[in-house]
Amino acid sequence: MGDRWHVEVDRSVCIGSGMCVNHAPDGFRLDSARQSHPTDEDHDANEHLLAAAEGCPVEAITLTLAGSGEMVFPPEE
């Protein structure tokens, strides 16, 4: 069994560009105010979720390892 990622969107930062939905349509949705929400808190780790986080123009998406909380994205400096 592979890693699971906990997905969070900081809606105080989200500008509703929809890039996350474009990269990972199964992972994100926009509400009526065009704010992004993960479709589930935890997802199987996959390249689409990572692309969504990396492609967010305001870096509103964080990915951590479910259970441990270890940061996946953005990378710790």
N, C-alpha and C. Protein backbone atom coordinates (compact mmCIF):
# COMPACT_ATOMS: atom_id res chain seq x y z
N MET A 1 0.83 -1.17 0.00
CA MET A 1 0.00 0.00 0.00
C MET A 1 0.88 1.25 0.00
N GLY A 2 0.51 2.24 -0.81
CA GLY A 2 1.32 3.45 -0.94
C GLY A 2 0.98 4.49 0.10
N ASP A 3 1.69 5.59 0.00
CA ASP A 3 1.47 6.71 0.91
C ASP A 3 0.09 7.33 0.71
N ARG A 4 -0.40 7.92 1.78
CA ARG A 4 -1.63 8.73 1.73
C ARG A 4 -1.24 10.14 2.11
N TRP A 5 -1.82 11.10 1.41
CA TRP A 5 -1.55 12.50 1.69
C TRP A 5 -2.78 13.16 2.28
N HIS A 6 -2.54 14.00 3.28
CA HIS A 6 -3.57 14.86 3.82
C HIS A 6 -3.50 16.16 3.02
N VAL A 7 -4.64 16.58 2.47
CA VAL A 7 -4.71 17.73 1.58
C VAL A 7 -5.44 18.87 2.27
N GLU A 8 -4.84 20.05 2.27
CA GLU A 8 -5.48 21.23 2.84
C GLU A 8 -5.37 22.39 1.85
N VAL A 9 -6.41 23.23 1.84
CA VAL A 9 -6.41 24.45 1.05
C VAL A 9 -6.64 25.61 2.00
N ASP A 10 -5.74 26.58 1.96
CA ASP A 10 -5.92 27.79 2.77
C ASP A 10 -6.84 28.71 1.98
N ARG A 11 -8.11 28.71 2.36
CA ARG A 11 -9.10 29.49 1.61
C ARG A 11 -8.96 30.99 1.83
N SER A 12 -8.18 31.40 2.81
CA SER A 12 -7.92 32.83 2.97
C SER A 12 -6.91 33.32 1.93
N VAL A 13 -6.22 32.37 1.30
CA VAL A 13 -5.23 32.69 0.27
C VAL A 13 -5.76 32.35 -1.13
N CYS A 14 -6.61 31.34 -1.24
CA CYS A 14 -7.12 30.86 -2.53
C CYS A 14 -7.78 31.99 -3.32
N ILE A 15 -7.43 32.09 -4.62
CA ILE A 15 -8.02 33.10 -5.49
C ILE A 15 -9.00 32.49 -6.49
N GLY A 16 -9.22 31.19 -6.39
CA GLY A 16 -10.21 30.54 -7.26
C GLY A 16 -9.80 30.43 -8.71
N SER A 17 -8.51 30.27 -8.97
CA SER A 17 -8.05 30.16 -10.35
C SER A 17 -8.53 28.88 -11.02
N GLY A 18 -8.80 27.84 -10.23
CA GLY A 18 -9.24 26.57 -10.78
C GLY A 18 -8.12 25.68 -11.29
N MET A 19 -6.88 26.10 -11.13
CA MET A 19 -5.75 25.29 -11.60
C MET A 19 -5.72 23.93 -10.90
N CYS A 20 -6.10 23.90 -9.63
CA CYS A 20 -6.10 22.64 -8.90
C CYS A 20 -7.11 21.66 -9.49
N VAL A 21 -8.28 22.15 -9.84
CA VAL A 21 -9.31 21.31 -10.44
C VAL A 21 -8.85 20.83 -11.82
N ASN A 22 -8.15 21.70 -12.53
CA ASN A 22 -7.62 21.34 -13.85
C ASN A 22 -6.60 20.21 -13.74
N HIS A 23 -5.70 20.30 -12.77
CA HIS A 23 -4.65 19.29 -12.59
C HIS A 23 -5.16 18.00 -11.94
N ALA A 24 -6.08 18.14 -10.98
CA ALA A 24 -6.55 16.98 -10.21
C ALA A 24 -8.06 17.08 -10.00
N PRO A 25 -8.85 16.83 -11.06
CA PRO A 25 -10.30 16.97 -10.93
C PRO A 25 -10.94 16.04 -9.90
N ASP A 26 -10.30 14.93 -9.59
CA ASP A 26 -10.84 14.03 -8.56
C ASP A 26 -10.44 14.48 -7.16
N GLY A 27 -9.50 15.42 -7.08
CA GLY A 27 -8.98 15.84 -5.78
C GLY A 27 -9.51 17.15 -5.25
N PHE A 28 -10.04 17.99 -6.16
CA PHE A 28 -10.49 19.32 -5.75
C PHE A 28 -11.79 19.69 -6.42
N ARG A 29 -12.52 20.60 -5.75
CA ARG A 29 -13.72 21.18 -6.34
C ARG A 29 -13.76 22.64 -5.93
N LEU A 30 -14.45 23.45 -6.74
CA LEU A 30 -14.66 24.85 -6.41
C LEU A 30 -16.09 25.02 -5.92
N ASP A 31 -16.28 25.78 -4.86
CA ASP A 31 -17.62 26.04 -4.38
C ASP A 31 -18.23 27.22 -5.13
N SER A 32 -19.41 27.65 -4.74
CA SER A 32 -20.09 28.72 -5.45
C SER A 32 -19.36 30.05 -5.36
N ALA A 33 -18.49 30.20 -4.37
CA ALA A 33 -17.67 31.41 -4.24
C ALA A 33 -16.32 31.25 -4.93
N ARG A 34 -16.16 30.17 -5.69
CA ARG A 34 -14.92 29.84 -6.40
C ARG A 34 -13.75 29.61 -5.45
N GLN A 35 -14.03 29.08 -4.28
CA GLN A 35 -12.99 28.70 -3.34
C GLN A 35 -12.75 27.20 -3.48
N SER A 36 -11.50 26.81 -3.46
CA SER A 36 -11.13 25.41 -3.63
C SER A 36 -11.31 24.64 -2.33
N HIS A 37 -11.73 23.40 -2.48
CA HIS A 37 -11.85 22.46 -1.36
C HIS A 37 -11.35 21.09 -1.84
N PRO A 38 -10.61 20.37 -1.00
CA PRO A 38 -10.29 18.99 -1.38
C PRO A 38 -11.56 18.15 -1.35
N THR A 39 -11.67 17.20 -2.27
CA THR A 39 -12.85 16.33 -2.29
C THR A 39 -12.86 15.39 -1.08
N ASP A 40 -11.70 15.06 -0.56
CA ASP A 40 -11.53 14.29 0.68
C ASP A 40 -10.32 14.84 1.40
N GLU A 41 -10.28 14.69 2.71
CA GLU A 41 -9.12 15.17 3.46
C GLU A 41 -7.86 14.38 3.13
N ASP A 42 -8.01 13.07 2.94
CA ASP A 42 -6.87 12.21 2.65
C ASP A 42 -7.07 11.51 1.31
N HIS A 43 -6.00 11.49 0.53
CA HIS A 43 -6.01 10.85 -0.79
C HIS A 43 -4.77 9.98 -0.93
N ASP A 44 -4.86 8.99 -1.79
CA ASP A 44 -3.66 8.26 -2.17
C ASP A 44 -2.71 9.23 -2.84
N ALA A 45 -1.44 9.14 -2.49
CA ALA A 45 -0.43 10.01 -3.09
C ALA A 45 -0.42 9.80 -4.60
N ASN A 46 -0.42 10.91 -5.35
CA ASN A 46 -0.36 10.77 -6.80
C ASN A 46 0.17 12.05 -7.44
N GLU A 47 0.64 11.91 -8.66
CA GLU A 47 1.27 13.02 -9.37
C GLU A 47 0.30 14.15 -9.68
N HIS A 48 -0.99 13.85 -9.79
CA HIS A 48 -1.97 14.89 -10.11
C HIS A 48 -2.15 15.85 -8.92
N LEU A 49 -2.21 15.30 -7.71
CA LEU A 49 -2.31 16.16 -6.53
C LEU A 49 -1.06 17.02 -6.37
N LEU A 50 0.10 16.43 -6.61
CA LEU A 50 1.35 17.18 -6.51
C LEU A 50 1.38 18.28 -7.56
N ALA A 51 0.96 17.99 -8.78
CA ALA A 51 0.92 19.00 -9.84
C ALA A 51 -0.03 20.13 -9.48
N ALA A 52 -1.15 19.79 -8.85
CA ALA A 52 -2.12 20.81 -8.43
C ALA A 52 -1.48 21.73 -7.39
N ALA A 53 -0.80 21.16 -6.41
CA ALA A 53 -0.17 21.96 -5.37
C ALA A 53 0.94 22.82 -5.96
N GLU A 54 1.76 22.23 -6.81
CA GLU A 54 2.86 22.97 -7.43
C GLU A 54 2.35 24.06 -8.37
N GLY A 55 1.20 23.84 -8.99
CA GLY A 55 0.67 24.78 -9.97
C GLY A 55 -0.22 25.86 -9.39
N CYS A 56 -0.50 25.80 -8.10
CA CYS A 56 -1.35 26.83 -7.48
C CYS A 56 -0.61 28.16 -7.53
N PRO A 57 -1.20 29.17 -8.16
CA PRO A 57 -0.49 30.45 -8.32
C PRO A 57 -0.25 31.20 -7.01
N VAL A 58 -0.97 30.85 -5.96
CA VAL A 58 -0.78 31.53 -4.67
C VAL A 58 -0.33 30.58 -3.56
N GLU A 59 0.05 29.36 -3.93
CA GLU A 59 0.56 28.35 -3.01
C GLU A 59 -0.38 28.13 -1.82
N ALA A 60 -1.68 27.97 -2.13
CA ALA A 60 -2.69 27.78 -1.09
C ALA A 60 -2.85 26.32 -0.67
N ILE A 61 -2.21 25.40 -1.39
CA ILE A 61 -2.40 23.96 -1.15
C ILE A 61 -1.19 23.39 -0.41
N THR A 62 -1.47 22.66 0.67
CA THR A 62 -0.41 21.92 1.34
C THR A 62 -0.74 20.44 1.33
N LEU A 63 0.30 19.65 1.19
CA LEU A 63 0.20 18.19 1.22
C LEU A 63 1.11 17.69 2.33
N THR A 64 0.57 16.87 3.21
CA THR A 64 1.37 16.24 4.25
C THR A 64 1.09 14.75 4.25
N LEU A 65 2.02 13.98 4.78
CA LEU A 65 1.79 12.55 4.91
C LEU A 65 0.72 12.33 5.96
N ALA A 66 -0.33 11.64 5.57
CA ALA A 66 -1.42 11.34 6.50
C ALA A 66 -0.85 10.52 7.65
N GLY A 67 -1.22 10.85 8.83
CA GLY A 67 -0.74 10.13 10.01
C GLY A 67 0.44 10.82 10.66
N SER A 68 1.52 11.02 9.92
CA SER A 68 2.72 11.60 10.52
C SER A 68 2.75 13.12 10.44
N GLY A 69 2.06 13.69 9.46
CA GLY A 69 2.08 15.14 9.29
C GLY A 69 3.34 15.66 8.62
N GLU A 70 4.21 14.74 8.16
CA GLU A 70 5.44 15.17 7.49
C GLU A 70 5.09 15.93 6.21
N MET A 71 5.72 17.09 6.01
CA MET A 71 5.43 17.95 4.88
C MET A 71 5.90 17.31 3.58
N VAL A 72 4.99 17.30 2.58
CA VAL A 72 5.31 16.85 1.24
C VAL A 72 5.46 18.06 0.33
N PHE A 73 4.46 18.98 0.40
CA PHE A 73 4.51 20.22 -0.37
C PHE A 73 3.80 21.31 0.40
N PRO A 74 4.35 22.50 0.47
CA PRO A 74 5.63 22.90 -0.11
C PRO A 74 6.79 22.27 0.66
N PRO A 75 7.90 22.07 -0.03
CA PRO A 75 9.04 21.44 0.65
C PRO A 75 9.56 22.34 1.77
N GLU A 76 9.97 21.71 2.84
CA GLU A 76 10.54 22.48 3.95
C GLU A 76 11.92 22.95 3.52
N GLU A 77 12.23 24.18 3.88
CA GLU A 77 13.53 24.75 3.50
C GLU A 77 14.58 24.48 4.52
